Amino acid sequence: MKKVLETIKAIFFTIWLIIGFFGVVIVYGSYVLIKANILEKRKGIKASQEYIRKVVSWFGRVTFKFLNSNISVFGEENIPQEGPYVIVANHQSIFDIPLILGYIYPTAFIAKKELSMIPILGSFIKKLGSILIDRSNVKSGAIALKKFAKLSRSGEIITLFPEGTRSLNGQVGEFKKGTLLIPFRYNIKILPVTIDGTIKMSKKGSAFIKPSNINLFIHEPVEPKLFASEGELRECLKSIISEKVTIEPQLALKETKT
C-alpha cells in the first residue's frame, strides 16, 4: 500500500512539474535565448555567454527549490578561482547537469548529442560551448577530443562524466579508457566532484521525478602530472569520487554535521 501511495504521489508530482516547470522553461527560456542572440550580435559571443552563464547558474539552483529537494554542498573552498580546469563527476541522473551549473560553475559539458535536441534546454547547452558527441559516429569522438583540448588550453572550465552514462544503481561505474587523456596530456587541473542523491530524484529509465536530499562533495583539485599514466589518473579519481557515494544522502548529512 505504501508503495502504491508513493507511486501515485510521484505521478502527480511529475505531472505538476511538466505543466508548471517546463512551461516556465519554454516561456522564460525563449526570452533569454532571444536576448543572448541580440547580445552576441551587438557585443560579441563573450558577452552573450556571460549572460547565459548567469541565467543558467540561477536556473540550476531554482530547479531544486522548485522540486522541493535539499542540497548540501561540501568543499566549496576547493573550487579554483579561475580556469582552465576540468570538473570530473560521477553520473546518477539527468539532474546532475543543473546541479553542477547552479552550485559549482556554469561550465561547458562533454555530453551526448541527444541532449542538444531537447527544446530550449538543448539550446542552452550549446550556448555554453558544450562539446556534443554522436555515439553512432566513430569520428565524433576524435573531433570531440580536439575541441576539448582547444577549449581547455584557452582557459575554459569543462565538465566531464567519465562513466559515459548514468548509473543504474547510484554506484560509480568504470571510467571509460581515454576520457581523461586531454587533461593528462596537457596537465590540466582536475576538480573531482561526488554527486550523491540525484538518482533518488530520477532514475535512468524512470518517467517519475521525486524530491530528494542531495549531497555535493567538491574534493581538492588533482594535478595530472603526478601520475604515470591516464589509467592511473582514472583509477585515483574514481576512488576519490566513490568514497562519498552513500545512496542514502541523509546519512551523509548527519555524519558531516556531527
Protein backbone atom coordinates (compact mmCIF):
# COMPACT_ATOMS: atom_id res chain seq x y z
CA MET A 1 0.00 0.00 0.00
CA LYS A 2 2.84 2.36 0.88
CA LYS A 3 4.49 1.77 -2.49
CA VAL A 4 1.20 2.40 -4.29
CA LEU A 5 0.76 5.73 -2.49
CA GLU A 6 4.36 6.71 -3.28
CA THR A 7 3.79 5.90 -6.94
CA ILE A 8 0.60 7.97 -7.08
CA LYS A 9 2.38 10.85 -5.38
CA ALA A 10 5.25 10.60 -7.87
CA ILE A 11 2.81 10.61 -10.81
CA PHE A 12 1.06 13.79 -9.64
CA PHE A 13 4.37 15.46 -8.78
CA THR A 14 5.72 14.66 -12.25
CA ILE A 15 2.58 15.98 -13.99
CA TRP A 16 2.76 19.18 -11.93
CA LEU A 17 6.42 19.51 -12.84
CA ILE A 18 5.84 19.06 -16.56
CA ILE A 19 2.99 21.57 -16.69
CA GLY A 20 4.45 24.19 -14.36
CA PHE A 21 8.21 23.93 -14.54
CA PHE A 22 8.64 23.20 -18.22
CA GLY A 23 6.04 25.83 -19.03
CA VAL A 24 8.26 28.40 -17.33
CA VAL A 25 11.35 26.98 -19.06
CA ILE A 26 9.81 27.34 -22.50
CA VAL A 27 8.48 30.89 -21.97
CA TYR A 28 11.35 32.38 -19.95
CA GLY A 29 13.99 30.28 -21.71
CA SER A 30 12.87 31.55 -25.11
CA TYR A 31 13.17 35.14 -23.88
CA VAL A 32 16.69 34.51 -22.54
CA LEU A 33 17.84 32.90 -25.80
CA ILE A 34 16.50 35.83 -27.84
CA LYS A 35 18.29 38.30 -25.57
CA ALA A 36 21.51 36.23 -25.76
CA ASN A 37 21.38 36.28 -29.56
CA ILE A 38 20.91 40.06 -29.56
CA LEU A 39 23.86 40.44 -27.16
CA GLU A 40 26.02 38.26 -29.39
CA LYS A 41 25.30 40.44 -32.42
CA ARG A 42 25.85 43.72 -30.55
CA LYS A 43 28.66 42.92 -28.11
CA GLY A 44 30.10 39.59 -29.22
CA ILE A 45 29.98 35.96 -28.13
CA LYS A 46 31.71 36.55 -24.75
CA ALA A 47 29.03 38.98 -23.59
CA SER A 48 26.36 36.53 -24.72
CA GLN A 49 27.98 33.61 -22.87
CA GLU A 50 28.41 35.63 -19.67
CA TYR A 51 24.71 36.45 -19.71
CA ILE A 52 23.78 32.81 -20.38
CA ARG A 53 26.06 31.65 -17.54
CA LYS A 54 24.41 33.95 -15.02
CA VAL A 55 20.98 32.75 -16.05
CA VAL A 56 21.79 29.02 -16.01
CA SER A 57 23.56 29.32 -12.65
CA TRP A 58 20.41 30.87 -11.18
CA PHE A 59 18.24 28.36 -13.03
CA GLY A 60 20.28 25.43 -11.68
CA ARG A 61 19.57 26.44 -8.08
CA VAL A 62 15.92 27.28 -8.70
CA THR A 63 15.39 23.85 -10.27
CA PHE A 64 15.98 22.09 -6.96
CA LYS A 65 13.93 24.57 -4.94
CA PHE A 66 11.07 24.06 -7.35
CA LEU A 67 11.45 20.29 -6.99
CA ASN A 68 11.45 20.57 -3.19
CA SER A 69 14.89 18.95 -2.98
CA ASN A 70 17.51 19.81 -0.36
CA ILE A 71 21.09 20.45 -1.49
CA SER A 72 24.11 20.31 0.84
CA VAL A 73 27.44 21.41 -0.63
CA PHE A 74 30.75 20.42 0.96
CA GLY A 75 34.19 21.71 -0.05
CA GLU A 76 33.29 24.94 -1.86
CA GLU A 77 36.68 26.29 -0.81
CA ASN A 78 38.28 23.75 -3.17
CA ILE A 79 36.87 25.40 -6.30
CA PRO A 80 39.75 27.10 -8.21
CA GLN A 81 39.39 30.85 -8.67
CA GLU A 82 39.89 30.58 -12.43
CA GLY A 83 40.33 28.14 -15.30
CA PRO A 84 41.42 26.13 -17.00
CA TYR A 85 40.31 23.08 -15.07
CA VAL A 86 38.14 20.05 -15.68
CA ILE A 87 35.29 19.04 -13.38
CA VAL A 88 35.16 15.24 -13.23
CA ALA A 89 31.98 13.85 -11.64
CA ASN A 90 30.00 10.65 -11.29
CA HIS A 91 26.71 10.50 -13.18
CA GLN A 92 23.50 9.49 -11.38
CA SER A 93 20.71 11.42 -13.06
CA ILE A 94 19.60 13.99 -15.64
CA PHE A 95 19.66 16.45 -12.73
CA ASP A 96 23.45 16.25 -12.39
CA ILE A 97 23.86 18.94 -15.04
CA PRO A 98 21.69 21.64 -13.35
CA LEU A 99 23.32 20.69 -10.03
CA ILE A 100 26.80 21.49 -11.34
CA LEU A 101 25.60 24.58 -13.21
CA GLY A 102 23.93 26.00 -10.12
CA TYR A 103 26.28 25.04 -7.32
CA ILE A 104 29.78 24.93 -8.85
CA TYR A 105 30.08 26.84 -12.12
CA PRO A 106 28.06 27.21 -15.35
CA THR A 107 30.53 25.23 -17.45
CA ALA A 108 30.60 23.69 -20.88
CA PHE A 109 29.88 19.94 -20.89
CA ILE A 110 31.08 16.97 -22.87
CA ALA A 111 27.78 15.23 -23.50
CA LYS A 112 25.87 13.04 -25.92
CA LYS A 113 24.41 14.73 -28.99
CA GLU A 114 20.84 13.80 -27.98
CA LEU A 115 20.87 16.46 -25.24
CA SER A 116 21.03 19.19 -27.87
CA MET A 117 17.66 18.02 -29.21
CA ILE A 118 15.77 18.89 -26.00
CA PRO A 119 13.72 22.05 -26.71
CA ILE A 120 15.17 25.21 -25.10
CA LEU A 121 17.46 23.27 -22.72
CA GLY A 122 19.42 21.91 -25.69
CA SER A 123 19.99 25.46 -26.92
CA PHE A 124 21.37 26.48 -23.51
CA ILE A 125 23.80 23.54 -23.56
CA LYS A 126 25.05 24.66 -26.98
CA LYS A 127 25.33 28.31 -25.90
CA LEU A 128 27.63 27.28 -23.03
CA GLY A 129 30.07 25.96 -25.64
CA SER A 130 29.47 22.29 -24.84
CA ILE A 131 31.08 19.51 -26.88
CA LEU A 132 28.45 17.12 -28.20
CA ILE A 133 29.33 13.56 -29.17
CA ASP A 134 27.46 11.48 -31.73
CA ARG A 135 27.86 7.94 -30.42
CA SER A 136 26.85 6.46 -33.77
CA ASN A 137 29.77 8.20 -35.49
CA VAL A 138 33.26 6.82 -34.78
CA LYS A 139 34.95 10.06 -35.91
CA SER A 140 32.86 12.12 -33.49
CA GLY A 141 34.98 11.04 -30.51
CA ALA A 142 38.23 12.15 -32.16
CA ILE A 143 36.72 15.51 -33.13
CA ALA A 144 35.45 15.95 -29.56
CA LEU A 145 38.95 15.34 -28.16
CA LYS A 146 40.38 18.09 -30.39
CA LYS A 147 37.67 20.53 -29.28
CA PHE A 148 38.25 19.51 -25.66
CA ALA A 149 41.98 20.27 -25.96
CA LYS A 150 41.34 23.62 -27.65
CA LEU A 151 38.79 24.76 -25.05
CA SER A 152 40.93 23.66 -22.11
CA ARG A 153 44.05 25.40 -23.36
CA SER A 154 42.07 28.61 -23.87
CA GLY A 155 41.25 28.71 -20.15
CA GLU A 156 37.73 27.29 -20.24
CA ILE A 157 36.16 25.16 -17.50
CA ILE A 158 34.67 21.90 -18.74
CA THR A 159 32.62 19.19 -17.03
CA LEU A 160 33.11 15.54 -17.87
CA PHE A 161 31.28 12.38 -16.76
CA PRO A 162 33.89 9.62 -17.35
CA GLU A 163 31.36 6.79 -16.84
CA GLY A 164 29.82 7.86 -20.14
CA THR A 165 26.26 7.17 -18.99
CA ARG A 166 24.03 7.40 -15.92
CA SER A 167 24.42 4.80 -13.18
CA LEU A 168 21.60 2.28 -12.80
CA ASN A 169 22.10 1.82 -9.04
CA GLY A 170 23.83 5.02 -7.94
CA GLN A 171 27.24 3.41 -7.50
CA VAL A 172 30.17 4.76 -9.50
CA GLY A 173 30.80 2.70 -12.64
CA GLU A 174 34.05 2.19 -14.51
CA PHE A 175 35.62 5.30 -16.02
CA LYS A 176 35.99 4.79 -19.76
CA LYS A 177 39.51 4.46 -21.11
CA GLY A 178 40.83 7.67 -22.66
CA THR A 179 38.24 10.01 -21.12
CA LEU A 180 40.96 11.83 -19.16
CA LEU A 181 43.56 11.78 -21.91
CA ILE A 182 43.41 15.53 -22.62
CA PRO A 183 43.82 16.77 -19.01
CA PHE A 184 46.54 14.14 -18.51
CA ARG A 185 48.43 15.06 -21.67
CA TYR A 186 48.28 18.83 -21.11
CA ASN A 187 48.42 18.71 -17.29
CA ILE A 188 45.08 20.49 -16.86
CA LYS A 189 43.97 20.66 -13.25
CA ILE A 190 41.07 18.34 -12.34
CA LEU A 191 38.36 19.08 -9.77
CA PRO A 192 36.81 15.76 -8.59
CA VAL A 193 33.14 16.00 -7.61
CA THR A 194 30.86 13.44 -5.96
CA ILE A 195 27.13 13.64 -6.66
CA ASP A 196 25.10 11.68 -4.14
CA GLY A 197 21.31 11.56 -4.26
CA THR A 198 20.12 12.77 -7.66
CA ILE A 199 19.34 9.15 -8.55
CA LYS A 200 16.57 9.33 -5.94
CA MET A 201 15.01 12.17 -7.94
CA SER A 202 15.04 10.43 -11.29
CA LYS A 203 16.49 7.02 -12.12
CA LYS A 204 17.61 6.06 -15.59
CA GLY A 205 14.62 4.57 -17.40
CA SER A 206 12.05 6.01 -14.98
CA ALA A 207 9.43 8.56 -16.04
CA PHE A 208 8.84 9.75 -12.46
CA ILE A 209 10.53 12.58 -10.58
CA LYS A 210 10.67 12.72 -6.77
CA PRO A 211 12.05 15.23 -4.21
CA SER A 212 15.33 14.14 -2.61
CA ASN A 213 18.17 15.02 -0.26
CA ILE A 214 21.31 15.60 -2.32
CA ASN A 215 24.93 15.94 -1.27
CA LEU A 216 27.52 17.58 -3.50
CA PHE A 217 31.11 16.92 -2.42
CA ILE A 218 33.79 19.08 -4.03
CA HIS A 219 37.18 17.48 -3.44
CA GLU A 220 40.64 19.03 -3.55
CA PRO A 221 41.99 19.59 -7.09
CA VAL A 222 44.21 16.89 -8.59
CA GLU A 223 47.33 17.56 -10.69
CA PRO A 224 47.62 15.06 -13.60
CA LYS A 225 51.42 15.46 -13.76
CA LEU A 226 51.69 13.45 -10.53
CA PHE A 227 50.51 10.29 -12.34
CA ALA A 228 52.45 7.96 -14.61
CA SER A 229 49.55 7.22 -16.95
CA GLU A 230 46.00 8.21 -17.85
CA GLY A 231 44.81 4.89 -16.45
CA GLU A 232 46.42 5.58 -13.08
CA LEU A 233 44.79 9.02 -13.02
CA ARG A 234 41.40 7.48 -13.83
CA GLU A 235 41.61 4.95 -11.02
CA CYS A 236 42.65 7.59 -8.49
CA LEU A 237 39.76 9.88 -9.40
CA LYS A 238 37.26 7.04 -9.33
CA SER A 239 38.45 6.12 -5.84
CA ILE A 240 38.14 9.72 -4.59
CA ILE A 241 34.66 10.18 -6.05
CA SER A 242 33.34 6.75 -4.98
CA GLU A 243 34.28 7.25 -1.34
CA LYS A 244 31.45 9.74 -0.72
CA VAL A 245 28.65 7.89 -2.51
CA THR A 246 26.18 6.58 0.09
CA ILE A 247 22.95 6.19 -1.93
CA GLU A 248 21.29 7.43 1.27
CA PRO A 249 22.25 11.15 1.37
CA GLN A 250 20.50 11.86 4.69
CA LEU A 251 23.09 9.60 6.39
CA ALA A 252 25.94 11.60 4.93
CA LEU A 253 24.31 14.81 6.12
CA LYS A 254 24.15 13.54 9.71
CA GLU A 255 27.74 12.31 9.68
CA THR A 256 29.07 15.57 8.26
CA LYS A 257 27.31 17.81 10.75
CA THR A 258 28.34 15.98 13.93
